[in-house]
Amino acid sequence: MGRQSISLTDPNDNWLQERVAAKEYASKSELVNDLIRQERKRQDSIALLRLELIKGEESGYSKKTKDEILALAKNGLK
């Protein structure tokens, strides 16, 4: 496991200390690692969404009516 030394602004350090003091996390390291994991998941979700948007744009325009599209979407939810 890598070991890092980072500098935090006072408000950020206080926020971390408050989370640990409230027993939400066992240590500031645990909290920082959790925040990084959450951000990595968020970035992965954004990347997937971008790929889907690109795929949609590249598929071209649909000839279907809005009612046909709505029916397809509703069937997909079943």
PDB file of N, CA and C in Angstrom:
ATOM      1  N   MET A   1       0.855  -1.166   0.000  1.00  0.00           N
ATOM      2  CA  MET A   1       0.000   0.000   0.000  1.00  0.00           C
ATOM      3  C   MET A   1       0.906   1.235   0.000  1.00  0.00           C
ATOM      4  N   GLY A   2       0.594   2.168  -0.896  1.00  0.00           N
ATOM      5  CA  GLY A   2       1.383   3.391  -0.983  1.00  0.00           C
ATOM      6  C   GLY A   2       1.139   4.306   0.200  1.00  0.00           C
ATOM      7  N   ARG A   3       2.156   5.000   0.572  1.00  0.00           N
ATOM      8  CA  ARG A   3       2.057   5.942   1.686  1.00  0.00           C
ATOM      9  C   ARG A   3       2.298   7.327   1.130  1.00  0.00           C
ATOM     10  N   GLN A   4       1.443   8.270   1.476  1.00  0.00           N
ATOM     11  CA  GLN A   4       1.517   9.626   0.949  1.00  0.00           C
ATOM     12  C   GLN A   4       1.472  10.634   2.093  1.00  0.00           C
ATOM     13  N   SER A   5       2.060  11.753   1.829  1.00  0.00           N
ATOM     14  CA  SER A   5       1.949  12.881   2.749  1.00  0.00           C
ATOM     15  C   SER A   5       1.283  14.001   1.962  1.00  0.00           C
ATOM     16  N   ILE A   6       0.160  14.482   2.469  1.00  0.00           N
ATOM     17  CA  ILE A   6      -0.557  15.549   1.769  1.00  0.00           C
ATOM     18  C   ILE A   6      -0.814  16.708   2.723  1.00  0.00           C
ATOM     19  N   SER A   7      -0.967  17.880   2.133  1.00  0.00           N
ATOM     20  CA  SER A   7      -1.321  19.070   2.909  1.00  0.00           C
ATOM     21  C   SER A   7      -2.786  19.384   2.650  1.00  0.00           C
ATOM     22  N   LEU A   8      -3.500  19.712   3.698  1.00  0.00           N
ATOM     23  CA  LEU A   8      -4.919  20.032   3.595  1.00  0.00           C
ATOM     24  C   LEU A   8      -5.158  21.446   4.092  1.00  0.00           C
ATOM     25  N   THR A   9      -6.158  22.078   3.518  1.00  0.00           N
ATOM     26  CA  THR A   9      -6.561  23.374   4.061  1.00  0.00           C
ATOM     27  C   THR A   9      -7.187  23.125   5.426  1.00  0.00           C
ATOM     28  N   ASP A  10      -7.201  24.130   6.264  1.00  0.00           N
ATOM     29  CA  ASP A  10      -7.786  23.967   7.604  1.00  0.00           C
ATOM     30  C   ASP A  10      -9.237  23.496   7.544  1.00  0.00           C
ATOM     31  N   PRO A  11     -10.081  24.104   6.683  1.00  0.00           N
ATOM     32  CA  PRO A  11     -11.473  23.618   6.639  1.00  0.00           C
ATOM     33  C   PRO A  11     -11.584  22.139   6.243  1.00  0.00           C
ATOM     34  N   ASN A  12     -10.765  21.695   5.287  1.00  0.00           N
ATOM     35  CA  ASN A  12     -10.814  20.296   4.867  1.00  0.00           C
ATOM     36  C   ASN A  12     -10.301  19.369   5.965  1.00  0.00           C
ATOM     37  N   ASP A  13      -9.240  19.761   6.627  1.00  0.00           N
ATOM     38  CA  ASP A  13      -8.712  18.952   7.717  1.00  0.00           C
ATOM     39  C   ASP A  13      -9.722  18.875   8.864  1.00  0.00           C
ATOM     40  N   ASN A  14     -10.360  19.988   9.172  1.00  0.00           N
ATOM     41  CA  ASN A  14     -11.381  19.994  10.232  1.00  0.00           C
ATOM     42  C   ASN A  14     -12.541  19.073   9.867  1.00  0.00           C
ATOM     43  N   TRP A  15     -12.943  19.112   8.591  1.00  0.00           N
ATOM     44  CA  TRP A  15     -14.046  18.274   8.136  1.00  0.00           C
ATOM     45  C   TRP A  15     -13.684  16.796   8.304  1.00  0.00           C
ATOM     46  N   LEU A  16     -12.465  16.433   7.899  1.00  0.00           N
ATOM     47  CA  LEU A  16     -12.010  15.049   8.063  1.00  0.00           C
ATOM     48  C   LEU A  16     -12.006  14.650   9.535  1.00  0.00           C
ATOM     49  N   GLN A  17     -11.471  15.514  10.381  1.00  0.00           N
ATOM     50  CA  GLN A  17     -11.404  15.223  11.816  1.00  0.00           C
ATOM     51  C   GLN A  17     -12.796  15.046  12.413  1.00  0.00           C
ATOM     52  N   GLU A  18     -13.750  15.870  11.959  1.00  0.00           N
ATOM     53  CA  GLU A  18     -15.122  15.751  12.456  1.00  0.00           C
ATOM     54  C   GLU A  18     -15.739  14.404  12.084  1.00  0.00           C
ATOM     55  N   ARG A  19     -15.496  13.928  10.859  1.00  0.00           N
ATOM     56  CA  ARG A  19     -16.035  12.625  10.424  1.00  0.00           C
ATOM     57  C   ARG A  19     -15.448  11.498  11.274  1.00  0.00           C
ATOM     58  N   VAL A  20     -14.157  11.590  11.557  1.00  0.00           N
ATOM     59  CA  VAL A  20     -13.507  10.558  12.368  1.00  0.00           C
ATOM     60  C   VAL A  20     -14.010  10.641  13.807  1.00  0.00           C
ATOM     61  N   ALA A  21     -14.121  11.858  14.334  1.00  0.00           N
ATOM     62  CA  ALA A  21     -14.609  12.040  15.709  1.00  0.00           C
ATOM     63  C   ALA A  21     -16.037  11.532  15.864  1.00  0.00           C
ATOM     64  N   ALA A  22     -16.831  11.645  14.792  1.00  0.00           N
ATOM     65  CA  ALA A  22     -18.215  11.160  14.823  1.00  0.00           C
ATOM     66  C   ALA A  22     -18.284   9.648  14.606  1.00  0.00           C
ATOM     67  N   LYS A  23     -17.121   9.030  14.497  1.00  0.00           N
ATOM     68  CA  LYS A  23     -17.001   7.583  14.321  1.00  0.00           C
ATOM     69  C   LYS A  23     -17.613   7.093  13.009  1.00  0.00           C
ATOM     70  N   GLU A  24     -17.669   7.994  12.010  1.00  0.00           N
ATOM     71  CA  GLU A  24     -18.107   7.567  10.682  1.00  0.00           C
ATOM     72  C   GLU A  24     -16.999   6.760  10.013  1.00  0.00           C
ATOM     73  N   TYR A  25     -15.768   7.066  10.376  1.00  0.00           N
ATOM     74  CA  TYR A  25     -14.584   6.379   9.858  1.00  0.00           C
ATOM     75  C   TYR A  25     -13.606   6.180  11.000  1.00  0.00           C
ATOM     76  N   ALA A  26     -12.771   5.172  10.871  1.00  0.00           N
ATOM     77  CA  ALA A  26     -11.800   4.881  11.921  1.00  0.00           C
ATOM     78  C   ALA A  26     -10.606   5.835  11.868  1.00  0.00           C
ATOM     79  N   SER A  27     -10.321   6.378  10.677  1.00  0.00           N
ATOM     80  CA  SER A  27      -9.171   7.268  10.534  1.00  0.00           C
ATOM     81  C   SER A  27      -9.364   8.179   9.326  1.00  0.00           C
ATOM     82  N   LYS A  28      -8.551   9.219   9.272  1.00  0.00           N
ATOM     83  CA  LYS A  28      -8.594  10.112   8.116  1.00  0.00           C
ATOM     84  C   LYS A  28      -8.172   9.361   6.860  1.00  0.00           C
ATOM     85  N   SER A  29      -7.234   8.440   6.982  1.00  0.00           N
ATOM     86  CA  SER A  29      -6.794   7.650   5.829  1.00  0.00           C
ATOM     87  C   SER A  29      -7.940   6.830   5.254  1.00  0.00           C
ATOM     88  N   GLU A  30      -8.707   6.200   6.126  1.00  0.00           N
ATOM     89  CA  GLU A  30      -9.852   5.402   5.677  1.00  0.00           C
ATOM     90  C   GLU A  30     -10.852   6.289   4.931  1.00  0.00           C
ATOM     91  N   LEU A  31     -11.096   7.469   5.465  1.00  0.00           N
ATOM     92  CA  LEU A  31     -12.029   8.407   4.845  1.00  0.00           C
ATOM     93  C   LEU A  31     -11.518   8.882   3.489  1.00  0.00           C
ATOM     94  N   VAL A  32     -10.260   9.250   3.407  1.00  0.00           N
ATOM     95  CA  VAL A  32      -9.691   9.708   2.138  1.00  0.00           C
ATOM     96  C   VAL A  32      -9.752   8.585   1.106  1.00  0.00           C
ATOM     97  N   ASN A  33      -9.426   7.367   1.499  1.00  0.00           N
ATOM     98  CA  ASN A  33      -9.517   6.237   0.575  1.00  0.00           C
ATOM     99  C   ASN A  33     -10.947   6.022   0.098  1.00  0.00           C
ATOM    100  N   ASP A  34     -11.922   6.171   0.992  1.00  0.00           N
ATOM    101  CA  ASP A  34     -13.323   6.028   0.599  1.00  0.00           C
ATOM    102  C   ASP A  34     -13.728   7.124  -0.374  1.00  0.00           C
ATOM    103  N   LEU A  35     -13.302   8.343  -0.117  1.00  0.00           N
ATOM    104  CA  LEU A  35     -13.613   9.445  -1.031  1.00  0.00           C
ATOM    105  C   LEU A  35     -13.007   9.188  -2.414  1.00  0.00           C
ATOM    106  N   ILE A  36     -11.805   8.679  -2.452  1.00  0.00           N
ATOM    107  CA  ILE A  36     -11.159   8.372  -3.728  1.00  0.00           C
ATOM    108  C   ILE A  36     -11.911   7.250  -4.446  1.00  0.00           C
ATOM    109  N   ARG A  37     -12.317   6.208  -3.718  1.00  0.00           N
ATOM    110  CA  ARG A  37     -13.098   5.116  -4.324  1.00  0.00           C
ATOM    111  C   ARG A  37     -14.395   5.649  -4.922  1.00  0.00           C
ATOM    112  N   GLN A  38     -15.077   6.516  -4.168  1.00  0.00           N
ATOM    113  CA  GLN A  38     -16.331   7.089  -4.660  1.00  0.00           C
ATOM    114  C   GLN A  38     -16.098   7.911  -5.930  1.00  0.00           C
ATOM    115  N   GLU A  39     -15.041   8.692  -5.947  1.00  0.00           N
ATOM    116  CA  GLU A  39     -14.739   9.512  -7.119  1.00  0.00           C
ATOM    117  C   GLU A  39     -14.379   8.635  -8.318  1.00  0.00           C
ATOM    118  N   ARG A  40     -13.651   7.557  -8.077  1.00  0.00           N
ATOM    119  CA  ARG A  40     -13.306   6.649  -9.173  1.00  0.00           C
ATOM    120  C   ARG A  40     -14.567   6.024  -9.761  1.00  0.00           C
ATOM    121  N   LYS A  41     -15.506   5.621  -8.905  1.00  0.00           N
ATOM    122  CA  LYS A  41     -16.781   5.067  -9.389  1.00  0.00           C
ATOM    123  C   LYS A  41     -17.545   6.115 -10.185  1.00  0.00           C
ATOM    124  N   ARG A  42     -17.540   7.349  -9.687  1.00  0.00           N
ATOM    125  CA  ARG A  42     -18.240   8.436 -10.379  1.00  0.00           C
ATOM    126  C   ARG A  42     -17.619   8.663 -11.752  1.00  0.00           C
ATOM    127  N   GLN A  43     -16.290   8.671 -11.809  1.00  0.00           N
ATOM    128  CA  GLN A  43     -15.601   8.857 -13.090  1.00  0.00           C
ATOM    129  C   GLN A  43     -15.906   7.709 -14.050  1.00  0.00           C
ATOM    130  N   ASP A  44     -15.959   6.478 -13.532  1.00  0.00           N
ATOM    131  CA  ASP A  44     -16.313   5.327 -14.367  1.00  0.00           C
ATOM    132  C   ASP A  44     -17.727   5.481 -14.929  1.00  0.00           C
ATOM    133  N   SER A  45     -18.654   5.940 -14.088  1.00  0.00           N
ATOM    134  CA  SER A  45     -20.040   6.142 -14.528  1.00  0.00           C
ATOM    135  C   SER A  45     -20.112   7.215 -15.608  1.00  0.00           C
ATOM    136  N   ILE A  46     -19.362   8.281 -15.423  1.00  0.00           N
ATOM    137  CA  ILE A  46     -19.341   9.357 -16.413  1.00  0.00           C
ATOM    138  C   ILE A  46     -18.759   8.854 -17.732  1.00  0.00           C
ATOM    139  N   ALA A  47     -17.691   8.075 -17.661  1.00  0.00           N
ATOM    140  CA  ALA A  47     -17.072   7.533 -18.876  1.00  0.00           C
ATOM    141  C   ALA A  47     -18.056   6.620 -19.611  1.00  0.00           C
ATOM    142  N   LEU A  48     -18.784   5.781 -18.879  1.00  0.00           N
ATOM    143  CA  LEU A  48     -19.769   4.900 -19.490  1.00  0.00           C
ATOM    144  C   LEU A  48     -20.889   5.710 -20.140  1.00  0.00           C
ATOM    145  N   LEU A  49     -21.358   6.723 -19.450  1.00  0.00           N
ATOM    146  CA  LEU A  49     -22.404   7.583 -19.993  1.00  0.00           C
ATOM    147  C   LEU A  49     -21.934   8.267 -21.270  1.00  0.00           C
ATOM    148  N   ARG A  50     -20.692   8.764 -21.263  1.00  0.00           N
ATOM    149  CA  ARG A  50     -20.143   9.394 -22.467  1.00  0.00           C
ATOM    150  C   ARG A  50     -20.128   8.418 -23.641  1.00  0.00           C
ATOM    151  N   LEU A  51     -19.685   7.183 -23.376  1.00  0.00           N
ATOM    152  CA  LEU A  51     -19.660   6.169 -24.437  1.00  0.00           C
ATOM    153  C   LEU A  51     -21.058   5.906 -24.989  1.00  0.00           C
ATOM    154  N   GLU A  52     -22.038   5.824 -24.100  1.00  0.00           N
ATOM    155  CA  GLU A  52     -23.420   5.591 -24.544  1.00  0.00           C
ATOM    156  C   GLU A  52     -23.949   6.774 -25.343  1.00  0.00           C
ATOM    157  N   LEU A  53     -23.607   7.988 -24.939  1.00  0.00           N
ATOM    158  CA  LEU A  53     -24.038   9.165 -25.690  1.00  0.00           C
ATOM    159  C   LEU A  53     -23.412   9.186 -27.079  1.00  0.00           C
ATOM    160  N   ILE A  54     -22.130   8.863 -27.151  1.00  0.00           N
ATOM    161  CA  ILE A  54     -21.442   8.812 -28.441  1.00  0.00           C
ATOM    162  C   ILE A  54     -22.077   7.743 -29.325  1.00  0.00           C
ATOM    163  N   LYS A  55     -22.346   6.576 -28.739  1.00  0.00           N
ATOM    164  CA  LYS A  55     -22.983   5.489 -29.484  1.00  0.00           C
ATOM    165  C   LYS A  55     -24.341   5.945 -30.018  1.00  0.00           C
ATOM    166  N   GLY A  56     -25.091   6.646 -29.187  1.00  0.00           N
ATOM    167  CA  GLY A  56     -26.399   7.148 -29.604  1.00  0.00           C
ATOM    168  C   GLY A  56     -26.290   8.168 -30.726  1.00  0.00           C
ATOM    169  N   GLU A  57     -25.328   9.075 -30.611  1.00  0.00           N
ATOM    170  CA  GLU A  57     -25.134  10.077 -31.656  1.00  0.00           C
ATOM    171  C   GLU A  57     -24.709   9.426 -32.964  1.00  0.00           C
ATOM    172  N   GLU A  58     -23.857   8.418 -32.884  1.00  0.00           N
ATOM    173  CA  GLU A  58     -23.357   7.759 -34.082  1.00  0.00           C
ATOM    174  C   GLU A  58     -24.401   6.861 -34.742  1.00  0.00           C
ATOM    175  N   SER A  59     -25.447   6.496 -34.000  1.00  0.00           N
ATOM    176  CA  SER A  59     -26.466   5.610 -34.570  1.00  0.00           C
ATOM    177  C   SER A  59     -27.391   6.364 -35.524  1.00  0.00           C
ATOM    178  N   GLY A  60     -27.333   7.680 -35.511  1.00  0.00           N
ATOM    179  CA  GLY A  60     -28.151   8.466 -36.441  1.00  0.00           C
ATOM    180  C   GLY A  60     -29.536   8.754 -35.891  1.00  0.00           C
ATOM    181  N   TYR A  61     -30.335   9.319 -36.757  1.00  0.00           N
ATOM    182  CA  TYR A  61     -31.694   9.695 -36.382  1.00  0.00           C
ATOM    183  C   TYR A  61     -32.647   8.528 -36.554  1.00  0.00           C
ATOM    184  N   SER A  62     -33.645   8.488 -35.712  1.00  0.00           N
ATOM    185  CA  SER A  62     -34.653   7.438 -35.776  1.00  0.00           C
ATOM    186  C   SER A  62     -35.801   7.884 -36.673  1.00  0.00           C
ATOM    187  N   LYS A  63     -36.367   6.938 -37.363  1.00  0.00           N
ATOM    188  CA  LYS A  63     -37.558   7.194 -38.191  1.00  0.00           C
ATOM    189  C   LYS A  63     -38.834   6.911 -37.400  1.00  0.00           C
ATOM    190  N   LYS A  64     -38.670   6.437 -36.175  1.00  0.00           N
ATOM    191  CA  LYS A  64     -39.827   6.086 -35.352  1.00  0.00           C
ATOM    192  C   LYS A  64     -40.509   7.357 -34.817  1.00  0.00           C
ATOM    193  N   THR A  65     -41.805   7.246 -34.582  1.00  0.00           N
ATOM    194  CA  THR A  65     -42.544   8.353 -33.975  1.00  0.00           C
ATOM    195  C   THR A  65     -42.268   8.353 -32.474  1.00  0.00           C
ATOM    196  N   LYS A  66     -42.626   9.453 -31.835  1.00  0.00           N
ATOM    197  CA  LYS A  66     -42.421   9.502 -30.384  1.00  0.00           C
ATOM    198  C   LYS A  66     -43.244   8.443 -29.669  1.00  0.00           C
ATOM    199  N   ASP A  67     -44.443   8.135 -30.197  1.00  0.00           N
ATOM    200  CA  ASP A  67     -45.275   7.096 -29.578  1.00  0.00           C
ATOM    201  C   ASP A  67     -44.625   5.720 -29.707  1.00  0.00           C
ATOM    202  N   GLU A  68     -44.013   5.449 -30.854  1.00  0.00           N
ATOM    203  CA  GLU A  68     -43.314   4.174 -31.044  1.00  0.00           C
ATOM    204  C   GLU A  68     -42.119   4.070 -30.081  1.00  0.00           C
ATOM    205  N   ILE A  69     -41.395   5.159 -29.947  1.00  0.00           N
ATOM    206  CA  ILE A  69     -40.239   5.178 -29.046  1.00  0.00           C
ATOM    207  C   ILE A  69     -40.689   4.974 -27.609  1.00  0.00           C
ATOM    208  N   LEU A  70     -41.773   5.647 -27.231  1.00  0.00           N
ATOM    209  CA  LEU A  70     -42.311   5.503 -25.875  1.00  0.00           C
ATOM    210  C   LEU A  70     -42.755   4.065 -25.622  1.00  0.00           C
ATOM    211  N   ALA A  71     -43.401   3.450 -26.592  1.00  0.00           N
ATOM    212  CA  ALA A  71     -43.849   2.060 -26.440  1.00  0.00           C
ATOM    213  C   ALA A  71     -42.647   1.126 -26.274  1.00  0.00           C
ATOM    214  N   LEU A  72     -41.606   1.345 -27.051  1.00  0.00           N
ATOM    215  CA  LEU A  72     -40.398   0.528 -26.919  1.00  0.00           C
ATOM    216  C   LEU A  72     -39.778   0.701 -25.533  1.00  0.00           C
ATOM    217  N   ALA A  73     -39.741   1.929 -25.054  1.00  0.00           N
ATOM    218  CA  ALA A  73     -39.170   2.195 -23.727  1.00  0.00           C
ATOM    219  C   ALA A  73     -39.994   1.515 -22.639  1.00  0.00           C
ATOM    220  N   LYS A  74     -41.312   1.586 -22.756  1.00  0.00           N
ATOM    221  CA  LYS A  74     -42.175   0.949 -21.757  1.00  0.00           C
ATOM    222  C   LYS A  74     -42.017  -0.566 -21.776  1.00  0.00           C
ATOM    223  N   ASN A  75     -41.882  -1.135 -22.957  1.00  0.00           N
ATOM    224  CA  ASN A  75     -41.674  -2.584 -23.058  1.00  0.00           C
ATOM    225  C   ASN A  75     -40.346  -2.978 -22.454  1.00  0.00           C
ATOM    226  N   GLY A  76     -39.363  -2.120 -22.578  1.00  0.00           N
ATOM    227  CA  GLY A  76     -38.044  -2.399 -22.000  1.00  0.00           C
ATOM    228  C   GLY A  76     -38.054  -2.397 -20.482  1.00  0.00           C
ATOM    229  N   LEU A  77     -39.014  -1.712 -19.891  1.00  0.00           N
ATOM    230  CA  LEU A  77     -39.117  -1.658 -18.425  1.00  0.00           C
ATOM    231  C   LEU A  77     -39.797  -2.882 -17.834  1.00  0.00           C
ATOM    232  N   LYS A  78     -40.469  -3.655 -18.688  1.00  0.00           N
ATOM    233  CA  LYS A  78     -41.219  -4.831 -18.186  1.00  0.00           C
ATOM    234  C   LYS A  78     -40.296  -5.985 -17.932  1.00  0.00           C
TER     235      LYS A  78
END
